Amino acid sequence: MRFGIFFELSVPRPFSREIERQVYLNALAQCRLADELGFDHVWENSARTITH
């Protein structure tokens, strides 16, 4: 059996470049950890119009 992780990245309001950057850096750190733990793949939702 193969395991992976899925991301739906969202940037909280108020929007700023630094917050968006931190969201992506956090996701990349989680991807690296998943790789170290033996996960097989990563999926990321690329919908750019979602606001939460």
PDB file of N, CA and C in Angstrom:
ATOM      1  N   MET A   1       0.847  -1.163   0.000  1.00  0.00           N
ATOM      2  CA  MET A   1       0.000   0.000   0.000  1.00  0.00           C
ATOM      3  C   MET A   1       0.898   1.233   0.000  1.00  0.00           C
ATOM      4  N   ARG A   2       0.475   2.256  -0.747  1.00  0.00           N
ATOM      5  CA  ARG A   2       1.225   3.505  -0.817  1.00  0.00           C
ATOM      6  C   ARG A   2       0.428   4.608  -0.136  1.00  0.00           C
ATOM      7  N   PHE A   3       1.149   5.509   0.517  1.00  0.00           N
ATOM      8  CA  PHE A   3       0.511   6.600   1.240  1.00  0.00           C
ATOM      9  C   PHE A   3       1.040   7.939   0.743  1.00  0.00           C
ATOM     10  N   GLY A   4       0.177   8.937   0.783  1.00  0.00           N
ATOM     11  CA  GLY A   4       0.564  10.281   0.391  1.00  0.00           C
ATOM     12  C   GLY A   4      -0.140  11.304   1.257  1.00  0.00           C
ATOM     13  N   ILE A   5       0.142  12.557   0.976  1.00  0.00           N
ATOM     14  CA  ILE A   5      -0.514  13.644   1.693  1.00  0.00           C
ATOM     15  C   ILE A   5      -1.137  14.591   0.673  1.00  0.00           C
ATOM     16  N   PHE A   6      -2.144  15.339   1.113  1.00  0.00           N
ATOM     17  CA  PHE A   6      -2.868  16.270   0.263  1.00  0.00           C
ATOM     18  C   PHE A   6      -2.912  17.620   0.957  1.00  0.00           C
ATOM     19  N   PHE A   7      -2.647  18.675   0.208  1.00  0.00           N
ATOM     20  CA  PHE A   7      -2.705  20.035   0.729  1.00  0.00           C
ATOM     21  C   PHE A   7      -3.762  20.847   0.000  1.00  0.00           C
ATOM     22  N   GLU A   8      -4.487  21.649   0.742  1.00  0.00           N
ATOM     23  CA  GLU A   8      -5.299  22.716   0.174  1.00  0.00           C
ATOM     24  C   GLU A   8      -4.832  23.977   0.889  1.00  0.00           C
ATOM     25  N   LEU A   9      -3.859  24.633   0.294  1.00  0.00           N
ATOM     26  CA  LEU A   9      -3.249  25.793   0.929  1.00  0.00           C
ATOM     27  C   LEU A   9      -4.201  26.978   0.881  1.00  0.00           C
ATOM     28  N   SER A  10      -4.337  27.644   1.996  1.00  0.00           N
ATOM     29  CA  SER A  10      -5.132  28.868   2.035  1.00  0.00           C
ATOM     30  C   SER A  10      -4.378  29.899   2.863  1.00  0.00           C
ATOM     31  N   VAL A  11      -4.444  31.109   2.411  1.00  0.00           N
ATOM     32  CA  VAL A  11      -3.757  32.215   3.089  1.00  0.00           C
ATOM     33  C   VAL A  11      -4.807  32.977   3.887  1.00  0.00           C
ATOM     34  N   PRO A  12      -4.595  33.086   5.196  1.00  0.00           N
ATOM     35  CA  PRO A  12      -5.587  33.788   6.017  1.00  0.00           C
ATOM     36  C   PRO A  12      -5.568  35.294   5.762  1.00  0.00           C
ATOM     37  N   ARG A  13      -6.693  35.918   5.996  1.00  0.00           N
ATOM     38  CA  ARG A  13      -6.780  37.371   5.892  1.00  0.00           C
ATOM     39  C   ARG A  13      -6.217  37.998   7.149  1.00  0.00           C
ATOM     40  N   PRO A  14      -5.643  39.139   7.104  1.00  0.00           N
ATOM     41  CA  PRO A  14      -5.419  39.969   5.931  1.00  0.00           C
ATOM     42  C   PRO A  14      -4.288  39.383   5.073  1.00  0.00           C
ATOM     43  N   PHE A  15      -4.482  39.387   3.754  1.00  0.00           N
ATOM     44  CA  PHE A  15      -3.496  38.845   2.834  1.00  0.00           C
ATOM     45  C   PHE A  15      -2.237  39.699   2.831  1.00  0.00           C
ATOM     46  N   SER A  16      -1.102  39.028   2.800  1.00  0.00           N
ATOM     47  CA  SER A  16       0.176  39.730   2.638  1.00  0.00           C
ATOM     48  C   SER A  16       1.169  38.771   2.008  1.00  0.00           C
ATOM     49  N   ARG A  17       2.172  39.321   1.375  1.00  0.00           N
ATOM     50  CA  ARG A  17       3.201  38.483   0.739  1.00  0.00           C
ATOM     51  C   ARG A  17       3.906  37.601   1.779  1.00  0.00           C
ATOM     52  N   GLU A  18       4.173  38.162   2.948  1.00  0.00           N
ATOM     53  CA  GLU A  18       4.899  37.406   3.969  1.00  0.00           C
ATOM     54  C   GLU A  18       4.070  36.241   4.495  1.00  0.00           C
ATOM     55  N   ILE A  19       2.790  36.463   4.712  1.00  0.00           N
ATOM     56  CA  ILE A  19       1.931  35.372   5.183  1.00  0.00           C
ATOM     57  C   ILE A  19       1.830  34.286   4.114  1.00  0.00           C
ATOM     58  N   GLU A  20       1.648  34.690   2.851  1.00  0.00           N
ATOM     59  CA  GLU A  20       1.584  33.719   1.760  1.00  0.00           C
ATOM     60  C   GLU A  20       2.893  32.925   1.666  1.00  0.00           C
ATOM     61  N   ARG A  21       4.002  33.610   1.793  1.00  0.00           N
ATOM     62  CA  ARG A  21       5.314  32.946   1.766  1.00  0.00           C
ATOM     63  C   ARG A  21       5.421  31.918   2.888  1.00  0.00           C
ATOM     64  N   GLN A  22       4.981  32.297   4.091  1.00  0.00           N
ATOM     65  CA  GLN A  22       5.060  31.390   5.232  1.00  0.00           C
ATOM     66  C   GLN A  22       4.176  30.167   5.041  1.00  0.00           C
ATOM     67  N   VAL A  23       3.002  30.336   4.451  1.00  0.00           N
ATOM     68  CA  VAL A  23       2.115  29.200   4.170  1.00  0.00           C
ATOM     69  C   VAL A  23       2.829  28.206   3.255  1.00  0.00           C
ATOM     70  N   TYR A  24       3.477  28.706   2.197  1.00  0.00           N
ATOM     71  CA  TYR A  24       4.190  27.817   1.273  1.00  0.00           C
ATOM     72  C   TYR A  24       5.400  27.175   1.930  1.00  0.00           C
ATOM     73  N   LEU A  25       6.146  27.939   2.733  1.00  0.00           N
ATOM     74  CA  LEU A  25       7.300  27.357   3.424  1.00  0.00           C
ATOM     75  C   LEU A  25       6.882  26.259   4.394  1.00  0.00           C
ATOM     76  N   ASN A  26       5.775  26.461   5.089  1.00  0.00           N
ATOM     77  CA  ASN A  26       5.259  25.433   5.997  1.00  0.00           C
ATOM     78  C   ASN A  26       4.877  24.172   5.232  1.00  0.00           C
ATOM     79  N   ALA A  27       4.219  24.340   4.095  1.00  0.00           N
ATOM     80  CA  ALA A  27       3.831  23.185   3.282  1.00  0.00           C
ATOM     81  C   ALA A  27       5.060  22.437   2.776  1.00  0.00           C
ATOM     82  N   LEU A  28       6.076  23.165   2.332  1.00  0.00           N
ATOM     83  CA  LEU A  28       7.300  22.513   1.854  1.00  0.00           C
ATOM     84  C   LEU A  28       8.005  21.752   2.974  1.00  0.00           C
ATOM     85  N   ALA A  29       8.004  22.316   4.173  1.00  0.00           N
ATOM     86  CA  ALA A  29       8.605  21.617   5.321  1.00  0.00           C
ATOM     87  C   ALA A  29       7.843  20.322   5.605  1.00  0.00           C
ATOM     88  N   GLN A  30       6.519  20.360   5.498  1.00  0.00           N
ATOM     89  CA  GLN A  30       5.722  19.151   5.707  1.00  0.00           C
ATOM     90  C   GLN A  30       5.986  18.121   4.609  1.00  0.00           C
ATOM     91  N   CYS A  31       6.201  18.586   3.383  1.00  0.00           N
ATOM     92  CA  CYS A  31       6.536  17.669   2.278  1.00  0.00           C
ATOM     93  C   CYS A  31       7.871  16.976   2.537  1.00  0.00           C
ATOM     94  N   ARG A  32       8.849  17.742   2.989  1.00  0.00           N
ATOM     95  CA  ARG A  32      10.158  17.147   3.289  1.00  0.00           C
ATOM     96  C   ARG A  32      10.035  16.095   4.393  1.00  0.00           C
ATOM     97  N   LEU A  33       9.279  16.415   5.433  1.00  0.00           N
ATOM     98  CA  LEU A  33       9.092  15.464   6.527  1.00  0.00           C
ATOM     99  C   LEU A  33       8.361  14.221   6.041  1.00  0.00           C
ATOM    100  N   ALA A  34       7.334  14.400   5.231  1.00  0.00           N
ATOM    101  CA  ALA A  34       6.602  13.249   4.689  1.00  0.00           C
ATOM    102  C   ALA A  34       7.542  12.357   3.880  1.00  0.00           C
ATOM    103  N   ASP A  35       8.425  12.959   3.100  1.00  0.00           N
ATOM    104  CA  ASP A  35       9.394  12.190   2.329  1.00  0.00           C
ATOM    105  C   ASP A  35      10.320  11.401   3.253  1.00  0.00           C
ATOM    106  N   GLU A  36      10.817  12.049   4.288  1.00  0.00           N
ATOM    107  CA  GLU A  36      11.689  11.372   5.258  1.00  0.00           C
ATOM    108  C   GLU A  36      10.973  10.211   5.948  1.00  0.00           C
ATOM    109  N   LEU A  37       9.663  10.356   6.151  1.00  0.00           N
ATOM    110  CA  LEU A  37       8.878   9.318   6.825  1.00  0.00           C
ATOM    111  C   LEU A  37       8.421   8.204   5.882  1.00  0.00           C
ATOM    112  N   GLY A  38       8.729   8.355   4.591  1.00  0.00           N
ATOM    113  CA  GLY A  38       8.430   7.294   3.646  1.00  0.00           C
ATOM    114  C   GLY A  38       7.139   7.449   2.852  1.00  0.00           C
ATOM    115  N   PHE A  39       6.514   8.609   2.912  1.00  0.00           N
ATOM    116  CA  PHE A  39       5.320   8.830   2.106  1.00  0.00           C
ATOM    117  C   PHE A  39       5.703   8.807   0.632  1.00  0.00           C
ATOM    118  N   ASP A  40       4.767   8.392  -0.202  1.00  0.00           N
ATOM    119  CA  ASP A  40       5.061   8.186  -1.622  1.00  0.00           C
ATOM    120  C   ASP A  40       4.767   9.381  -2.515  1.00  0.00           C
ATOM    121  N   HIS A  41       3.797  10.197  -2.164  1.00  0.00           N
ATOM    122  CA  HIS A  41       3.425  11.300  -3.047  1.00  0.00           C
ATOM    123  C   HIS A  41       2.755  12.432  -2.272  1.00  0.00           C
ATOM    124  N   VAL A  42       2.733  13.593  -2.930  1.00  0.00           N
ATOM    125  CA  VAL A  42       2.094  14.790  -2.381  1.00  0.00           C
ATOM    126  C   VAL A  42       1.166  15.352  -3.442  1.00  0.00           C
ATOM    127  N   TRP A  43      -0.025  15.734  -3.030  1.00  0.00           N
ATOM    128  CA  TRP A  43      -0.976  16.396  -3.913  1.00  0.00           C
ATOM    129  C   TRP A  43      -1.267  17.765  -3.329  1.00  0.00           C
ATOM    130  N   GLU A  44      -1.431  18.742  -4.206  1.00  0.00           N
ATOM    131  CA  GLU A  44      -1.756  20.098  -3.767  1.00  0.00           C
ATOM    132  C   GLU A  44      -2.867  20.636  -4.651  1.00  0.00           C
ATOM    133  N   ASN A  45      -3.903  21.157  -4.029  1.00  0.00           N
ATOM    134  CA  ASN A  45      -5.009  21.757  -4.760  1.00  0.00           C
ATOM    135  C   ASN A  45      -4.563  23.132  -5.249  1.00  0.00           C
ATOM    136  N   SER A  46      -4.657  23.368  -6.544  1.00  0.00           N
ATOM    137  CA  SER A  46      -4.155  24.624  -7.095  1.00  0.00           C
ATOM    138  C   SER A  46      -5.255  25.617  -7.446  1.00  0.00           C
ATOM    139  N   ALA A  47      -6.406  25.515  -6.811  1.00  0.00           N
ATOM    140  CA  ALA A  47      -7.480  26.484  -7.051  1.00  0.00           C
ATOM    141  C   ALA A  47      -7.057  27.829  -6.496  1.00  0.00           C
ATOM    142  N   ARG A  48      -6.934  28.805  -7.351  1.00  0.00           N
ATOM    143  CA  ARG A  48      -6.443  30.121  -6.944  1.00  0.00           C
ATOM    144  C   ARG A  48      -7.547  31.090  -6.529  1.00  0.00           C
ATOM    145  N   THR A  49      -8.776  30.667  -6.695  1.00  0.00           N
ATOM    146  CA  THR A  49      -9.877  31.581  -6.396  1.00  0.00           C
ATOM    147  C   THR A  49     -10.542  31.322  -5.052  1.00  0.00           C
ATOM    148  N   ILE A  50     -10.045  30.353  -4.318  1.00  0.00           N
ATOM    149  CA  ILE A  50     -10.632  30.032  -3.021  1.00  0.00           C
ATOM    150  C   ILE A  50     -10.158  31.043  -1.978  1.00  0.00           C
ATOM    151  N   THR A  51     -11.084  31.638  -1.276  1.00  0.00           N
ATOM    152  CA  THR A  51     -10.741  32.520  -0.159  1.00  0.00           C
ATOM    153  C   THR A  51     -11.499  32.038   1.059  1.00  0.00           C
ATOM    154  N   HIS A  52     -10.830  32.025   2.186  1.00  0.00           N
ATOM    155  CA  HIS A  52     -11.447  31.574   3.431  1.00  0.00           C
ATOM    156  C   HIS A  52     -11.333  32.670   4.463  1.00  0.00           C
TER     157      HIS A  52
END
